[in-house]
Amino acid sequence: MKGEAQNTYFSFFSLRLRTDGLRVQLQGIKAIHALGIVHRDIKPENIFLDDRGRPVIGDFGLAESVAPTGCAFDPEAGHVMLFEVSGTVEYMAPEVWRGKAYAFPVDVFAWAVTVFEMFVGRVSSPRLQLSSSADVYLVGYLAPACGR
């Protein structure tokens, strides 16, 4: 993998290649979610291009599993809701920076902001300024029981 962040030269690709790349990115997010993982930091700098120019989602340093503790992820059984304020502010869904419960949709929100930035050249809203106390996460979650 070349390791080049996609936003550094995304504009050089044709519209067809851009849309194909976006489809592959969304398939990658879907695959991550199928494993019960919320990435929590989808942004252009975390979408890399391999040697053939295909997008690859990377940097799972903030990723969290939403499977109940000790359980394999089962999309039919429900999942843990996250509360920790985590990610890059410009790409955060409102429920994250407001400290509300969240799960998979926050990655799709961040991806949509990423798409906007890749086509327009800037993020869709002004930068949000959070205090350093926003980096503290709430100890608590809503977890369904796993079927054992």
Protein backbone atom coordinates (compact mmCIF):
# COMPACT_ATOMS: atom_id res chain seq x y z
CA MET A 1 0.00 0.00 0.00
CA LYS A 2 1.37 3.40 -0.91
CA GLY A 3 -0.12 4.84 2.24
CA GLU A 4 -1.11 8.09 0.60
CA ALA A 5 -4.20 9.63 2.10
CA GLN A 6 -6.91 9.86 -0.51
CA ASN A 7 -7.63 13.55 -0.09
CA THR A 8 -4.12 14.46 -1.26
CA TYR A 9 -4.78 13.62 -4.88
CA PHE A 10 -8.41 12.60 -5.17
CA SER A 11 -9.12 15.51 -7.52
CA PHE A 12 -6.84 14.03 -10.18
CA PHE A 13 -9.25 11.15 -10.81
CA SER A 14 -12.10 11.32 -13.32
CA LEU A 15 -15.66 11.53 -12.03
CA ARG A 16 -16.16 7.84 -12.94
CA LEU A 17 -13.13 6.75 -10.92
CA ARG A 18 -14.22 8.96 -8.04
CA THR A 19 -17.70 7.43 -7.89
CA ASP A 20 -16.29 3.90 -8.21
CA GLY A 21 -13.92 4.68 -5.35
CA LEU A 22 -16.77 6.01 -3.22
CA ARG A 23 -18.75 2.81 -3.82
CA VAL A 24 -15.75 0.74 -2.68
CA GLN A 25 -15.38 2.94 0.43
CA LEU A 26 -19.02 2.42 1.35
CA GLN A 27 -18.65 -1.33 0.83
CA GLY A 28 -15.65 -1.22 3.19
CA ILE A 29 -17.68 0.59 5.84
CA LYS A 30 -20.48 -1.96 5.42
CA ALA A 31 -17.96 -4.80 5.89
CA ILE A 32 -16.55 -3.20 9.04
CA HIS A 33 -20.05 -2.79 10.44
CA ALA A 34 -20.92 -6.41 9.60
CA LEU A 35 -18.14 -7.36 12.03
CA GLY A 36 -19.73 -5.24 14.74
CA ILE A 37 -17.09 -2.49 14.57
CA VAL A 38 -17.68 1.26 14.57
CA HIS A 39 -14.60 2.96 13.05
CA ARG A 40 -15.30 6.38 14.66
CA ASP A 41 -12.72 8.27 12.60
CA ILE A 42 -13.70 8.05 8.93
CA LYS A 43 -12.07 10.98 7.13
CA PRO A 44 -9.98 11.49 3.98
CA GLU A 45 -6.71 11.04 5.89
CA ASN A 46 -7.84 7.55 6.95
CA ILE A 47 -8.79 6.36 3.47
CA PHE A 48 -5.66 5.21 1.72
CA LEU A 49 -5.02 4.07 -1.82
CA ASP A 50 -3.33 0.75 -2.51
CA ASP A 51 -0.80 0.24 -5.31
CA ARG A 52 -3.63 -0.12 -7.84
CA GLY A 53 -5.41 3.07 -6.73
CA ARG A 54 -8.20 1.32 -4.82
CA PRO A 55 -9.37 2.89 -1.56
CA VAL A 56 -8.62 1.07 1.68
CA ILE A 57 -9.97 2.19 5.05
CA GLY A 58 -7.21 2.41 7.64
CA ASP A 59 -6.31 3.71 11.10
CA PHE A 60 -8.50 1.70 13.41
CA GLY A 61 -7.02 3.29 16.53
CA LEU A 62 -10.39 4.66 17.69
CA ALA A 63 -12.52 1.74 16.48
CA GLU A 64 -14.82 0.02 18.96
CA SER A 65 -16.73 -3.22 18.90
CA VAL A 66 -20.42 -2.90 19.65
CA ALA A 67 -20.88 -6.59 20.42
CA PRO A 68 -21.97 -7.16 24.03
CA THR A 69 -18.99 -8.11 26.21
CA GLY A 70 -18.09 -11.77 25.78
CA CYS A 71 -20.39 -12.24 22.80
CA ALA A 72 -19.80 -12.63 19.09
CA PHE A 73 -21.50 -9.86 17.11
CA ASP A 74 -25.01 -10.81 16.04
CA PRO A 75 -26.86 -8.08 14.11
CA GLU A 76 -30.19 -9.67 15.06
CA ALA A 77 -29.48 -9.58 18.80
CA GLY A 78 -28.78 -5.86 19.13
CA HIS A 79 -25.59 -4.13 20.09
CA VAL A 80 -23.90 -1.89 22.63
CA MET A 81 -24.44 1.84 22.19
CA LEU A 82 -21.32 3.99 22.48
CA PHE A 83 -21.10 7.31 24.34
CA GLU A 84 -17.41 8.29 24.20
CA VAL A 85 -16.69 11.55 22.39
CA SER A 86 -14.08 10.24 19.98
CA GLY A 87 -12.95 11.05 16.46
CA THR A 88 -12.06 14.11 14.44
CA VAL A 89 -14.43 16.95 15.26
CA GLU A 90 -15.03 18.11 11.68
CA TYR A 91 -16.33 14.64 10.75
CA MET A 92 -18.28 13.84 13.94
CA ALA A 93 -21.99 13.22 13.80
CA PRO A 94 -23.92 15.55 16.13
CA GLU A 95 -24.84 12.73 18.50
CA VAL A 96 -21.14 12.07 19.14
CA TRP A 97 -20.08 15.59 20.09
CA ARG A 98 -23.29 16.03 22.08
CA GLY A 99 -22.42 12.96 24.16
CA LYS A 100 -25.52 11.01 23.07
CA ALA A 101 -25.67 7.26 22.44
CA TYR A 102 -24.45 6.24 18.99
CA ALA A 103 -23.36 3.30 16.84
CA PHE A 104 -22.92 2.55 13.11
CA PRO A 105 -24.64 5.61 11.58
CA VAL A 106 -21.85 7.91 12.81
CA ASP A 107 -19.44 6.28 10.33
CA VAL A 108 -21.87 6.92 7.48
CA PHE A 109 -22.22 10.55 8.59
CA ALA A 110 -18.42 10.96 8.65
CA TRP A 111 -18.18 9.31 5.23
CA ALA A 112 -20.78 11.76 3.84
CA VAL A 113 -18.75 14.71 5.18
CA THR A 114 -15.69 13.10 3.58
CA VAL A 115 -17.45 12.79 0.22
CA PHE A 116 -18.51 16.43 0.41
CA GLU A 117 -14.95 17.48 1.17
CA MET A 118 -13.50 15.36 -1.63
CA PHE A 119 -15.79 16.96 -4.22
CA VAL A 120 -16.00 20.52 -2.87
CA GLY A 121 -12.59 20.88 -1.24
CA ARG A 122 -13.72 21.79 2.28
CA VAL A 123 -15.73 20.30 5.13
CA SER A 124 -19.44 21.04 5.08
CA SER A 125 -19.62 23.07 8.29
CA PRO A 126 -17.38 25.42 10.23
CA ARG A 127 -15.02 23.81 12.70
CA LEU A 128 -16.58 23.01 16.03
CA GLN A 129 -14.57 23.96 19.07
CA LEU A 130 -14.93 21.50 21.93
CA SER A 131 -13.37 22.01 25.32
CA SER A 132 -10.74 19.56 26.47
CA SER A 133 -13.35 18.11 28.86
CA ALA A 134 -15.15 16.74 25.78
CA ASP A 135 -12.33 14.23 25.45
CA VAL A 136 -13.54 12.49 28.61
CA TYR A 137 -15.94 9.66 27.90
CA LEU A 138 -18.95 8.61 29.90
CA VAL A 139 -18.56 5.30 31.66
CA GLY A 140 -21.76 3.59 30.72
CA TYR A 141 -23.46 1.97 27.82
CA LEU A 142 -26.67 0.29 26.81
CA ALA A 143 -25.95 -3.36 26.20
CA PRO A 144 -28.37 -6.10 25.25
CA ALA A 145 -27.82 -9.48 26.83
CA CYS A 146 -26.22 -12.04 24.56
CA GLY A 147 -28.07 -15.31 24.06
CA ARG A 148 -26.04 -17.84 26.00
